[in-house]
Amino acid sequence: MSLSSHANVYNTCLRILRERGFELRVDGDLTDDGAVPADHFWFATNNEVQLTADNPIELLGLAAIYDRKKPVADEPYWWVVEGNDIWDELYENAWGPFGDD
């Protein structure tokens, strides 16, 4: 079984967000020829938080972070989960150390 980030997953993400009580919208200026802009944004809002993302998959990911952290105040970096730098670990596992000239 597998699942990939693709536009065919967007509606599932939006349905999950709506089921969780988020109000959803998408926003951006149409192009000169009336097409949907490539740089539009997706929003999910409830009475606690507004989330903004480039696509519904990212929006659902931000909702998961919010659910996990549930901040009590709007403080800088409230969303951080402390621990090892997994980003660097994975990059080094894939391609070796960077910047060790």
C-alpha atoms as a PDB file:
ATOM      1  CA  MET A   1       0.000   0.000   0.000  1.00  0.00           C
ATOM      2  CA  SER A   2       1.249   3.518  -0.761  1.00  0.00           C
ATOM      3  CA  LEU A   3       0.035   7.099  -0.869  1.00  0.00           C
ATOM      4  CA  SER A   4       1.660  10.010  -2.676  1.00  0.00           C
ATOM      5  CA  SER A   5       1.326  13.762  -2.627  1.00  0.00           C
ATOM      6  CA  HIS A   6      -0.809  14.497  -5.690  1.00  0.00           C
ATOM      7  CA  ALA A   7      -3.781  16.660  -6.639  1.00  0.00           C
ATOM      8  CA  ASN A   8      -6.023  13.589  -6.598  1.00  0.00           C
ATOM      9  CA  VAL A   9      -5.655  13.571  -2.777  1.00  0.00           C
ATOM     10  CA  TYR A  10      -6.771  17.200  -2.349  1.00  0.00           C
ATOM     11  CA  ASN A  11     -10.503  16.549  -1.875  1.00  0.00           C
ATOM     12  CA  THR A  12      -9.834  13.924   0.775  1.00  0.00           C
ATOM     13  CA  CYS A  13      -7.693  16.426   2.689  1.00  0.00           C
ATOM     14  CA  LEU A  14     -10.355  19.115   2.356  1.00  0.00           C
ATOM     15  CA  ARG A  15     -13.083  16.733   3.536  1.00  0.00           C
ATOM     16  CA  ILE A  16     -11.023  15.784   6.602  1.00  0.00           C
ATOM     17  CA  LEU A  17     -10.408  19.442   7.410  1.00  0.00           C
ATOM     18  CA  ARG A  18     -14.091  20.288   7.032  1.00  0.00           C
ATOM     19  CA  GLU A  19     -15.040  17.310   9.234  1.00  0.00           C
ATOM     20  CA  ARG A  20     -12.658  18.736  11.864  1.00  0.00           C
ATOM     21  CA  GLY A  21     -14.635  21.986  11.849  1.00  0.00           C
ATOM     22  CA  PHE A  22     -12.442  24.164   9.645  1.00  0.00           C
ATOM     23  CA  GLU A  23     -13.907  26.765   7.328  1.00  0.00           C
ATOM     24  CA  LEU A  24     -12.091  26.471   4.001  1.00  0.00           C
ATOM     25  CA  ARG A  25     -11.284  28.911   1.228  1.00  0.00           C
ATOM     26  CA  VAL A  26      -8.855  29.424  -1.612  1.00  0.00           C
ATOM     27  CA  ASP A  27      -7.660  32.862  -2.707  1.00  0.00           C
ATOM     28  CA  GLY A  28      -5.529  34.500  -5.348  1.00  0.00           C
ATOM     29  CA  ASP A  29      -5.845  36.918  -8.246  1.00  0.00           C
ATOM     30  CA  LEU A  30      -6.879  35.460 -11.580  1.00  0.00           C
ATOM     31  CA  THR A  31      -4.340  35.811 -14.350  1.00  0.00           C
ATOM     32  CA  ASP A  32      -4.886  38.387 -17.106  1.00  0.00           C
ATOM     33  CA  ASP A  33      -6.549  35.727 -19.250  1.00  0.00           C
ATOM     34  CA  GLY A  34      -8.909  34.669 -16.437  1.00  0.00           C
ATOM     35  CA  ALA A  35      -7.114  31.479 -15.385  1.00  0.00           C
ATOM     36  CA  VAL A  36      -6.575  30.287 -11.820  1.00  0.00           C
ATOM     37  CA  PRO A  37      -3.212  31.635 -10.681  1.00  0.00           C
ATOM     38  CA  ALA A  38      -0.337  29.267 -10.020  1.00  0.00           C
ATOM     39  CA  ASP A  39       0.443  31.129  -6.795  1.00  0.00           C
ATOM     40  CA  HIS A  40      -2.924  30.898  -5.043  1.00  0.00           C
ATOM     41  CA  PHE A  41      -3.226  30.015  -1.365  1.00  0.00           C
ATOM     42  CA  TRP A  42      -5.457  27.664   0.626  1.00  0.00           C
ATOM     43  CA  PHE A  43      -6.863  28.658   4.017  1.00  0.00           C
ATOM     44  CA  ALA A  44      -8.416  26.660   6.855  1.00  0.00           C
ATOM     45  CA  THR A  45      -9.834  28.645   9.760  1.00  0.00           C
ATOM     46  CA  ASN A  46     -11.604  27.750  12.963  1.00  0.00           C
ATOM     47  CA  ASN A  47     -12.254  29.724  16.146  1.00  0.00           C
ATOM     48  CA  GLU A  48      -8.666  29.032  17.307  1.00  0.00           C
ATOM     49  CA  VAL A  49      -6.331  29.319  14.326  1.00  0.00           C
ATOM     50  CA  GLN A  50      -5.918  30.303  10.674  1.00  0.00           C
ATOM     51  CA  LEU A  51      -3.761  27.984   8.583  1.00  0.00           C
ATOM     52  CA  THR A  52      -2.330  28.992   5.181  1.00  0.00           C
ATOM     53  CA  ALA A  53      -0.699  26.649   2.667  1.00  0.00           C
ATOM     54  CA  ASP A  54       0.177  26.163  -0.983  1.00  0.00           C
ATOM     55  CA  ASN A  55      -2.124  23.133  -1.313  1.00  0.00           C
ATOM     56  CA  PRO A  56      -4.655  21.082   0.687  1.00  0.00           C
ATOM     57  CA  ILE A  57      -2.114  18.393   1.605  1.00  0.00           C
ATOM     58  CA  GLU A  58       0.088  20.987   3.275  1.00  0.00           C
ATOM     59  CA  LEU A  59      -3.003  22.506   4.901  1.00  0.00           C
ATOM     60  CA  LEU A  60      -3.870  19.162   6.490  1.00  0.00           C
ATOM     61  CA  GLY A  61      -0.263  18.813   7.654  1.00  0.00           C
ATOM     62  CA  LEU A  62      -0.438  22.208   9.365  1.00  0.00           C
ATOM     63  CA  ALA A  63      -3.702  21.168  11.033  1.00  0.00           C
ATOM     64  CA  ALA A  64      -1.938  18.051  12.332  1.00  0.00           C
ATOM     65  CA  ILE A  65       0.833  20.212  13.819  1.00  0.00           C
ATOM     66  CA  TYR A  66      -1.738  22.489  15.421  1.00  0.00           C
ATOM     67  CA  ASP A  67      -3.636  19.494  16.849  1.00  0.00           C
ATOM     68  CA  ARG A  68      -0.384  18.059  18.229  1.00  0.00           C
ATOM     69  CA  LYS A  69       0.871  21.264  19.837  1.00  0.00           C
ATOM     70  CA  LYS A  70      -2.374  23.077  20.838  1.00  0.00           C
ATOM     71  CA  PRO A  71      -0.646  26.325  21.847  1.00  0.00           C
ATOM     72  CA  VAL A  72      -2.069  28.267  24.780  1.00  0.00           C
ATOM     73  CA  ALA A  73      -0.694  31.603  23.511  1.00  0.00           C
ATOM     74  CA  ASP A  74       0.418  33.113  20.214  1.00  0.00           C
ATOM     75  CA  GLU A  75       4.138  32.936  20.886  1.00  0.00           C
ATOM     76  CA  PRO A  76       7.001  32.762  18.371  1.00  0.00           C
ATOM     77  CA  TYR A  77       7.755  29.227  17.204  1.00  0.00           C
ATOM     78  CA  TRP A  78       4.882  27.675  19.190  1.00  0.00           C
ATOM     79  CA  TRP A  79       4.815  24.928  16.565  1.00  0.00           C
ATOM     80  CA  VAL A  80       8.348  23.610  17.202  1.00  0.00           C
ATOM     81  CA  VAL A  81       8.733  20.020  18.396  1.00  0.00           C
ATOM     82  CA  GLU A  82      12.097  19.801  20.153  1.00  0.00           C
ATOM     83  CA  GLY A  83      14.548  17.045  19.299  1.00  0.00           C
ATOM     84  CA  ASN A  84      17.220  15.905  16.879  1.00  0.00           C
ATOM     85  CA  ASP A  85      17.643  17.538  13.464  1.00  0.00           C
ATOM     86  CA  ILE A  86      15.953  14.838  11.400  1.00  0.00           C
ATOM     87  CA  TRP A  87      16.123  16.968   8.232  1.00  0.00           C
ATOM     88  CA  ASP A  88      19.940  16.947   8.290  1.00  0.00           C
ATOM     89  CA  GLU A  89      20.022  13.283   9.318  1.00  0.00           C
ATOM     90  CA  LEU A  90      17.943  12.220   6.322  1.00  0.00           C
ATOM     91  CA  TYR A  91      19.912  14.379   3.889  1.00  0.00           C
ATOM     92  CA  GLU A  92      23.200  13.012   5.198  1.00  0.00           C
ATOM     93  CA  ASN A  93      21.870   9.438   4.979  1.00  0.00           C
ATOM     94  CA  ALA A  94      20.885  10.055   1.367  1.00  0.00           C
ATOM     95  CA  TRP A  95      23.859  12.106   0.138  1.00  0.00           C
ATOM     96  CA  GLY A  96      26.526  12.270   2.826  1.00  0.00           C
ATOM     97  CA  PRO A  97      27.614  15.282   4.870  1.00  0.00           C
ATOM     98  CA  PHE A  98      27.256  18.762   3.407  1.00  0.00           C
ATOM     99  CA  GLY A  99      29.504  21.735   3.975  1.00  0.00           C
ATOM    100  CA  ASP A 100      32.508  19.760   5.243  1.00  0.00           C
ATOM    101  CA  ASP A 101      35.007  21.405   2.848  1.00  0.00           C
END
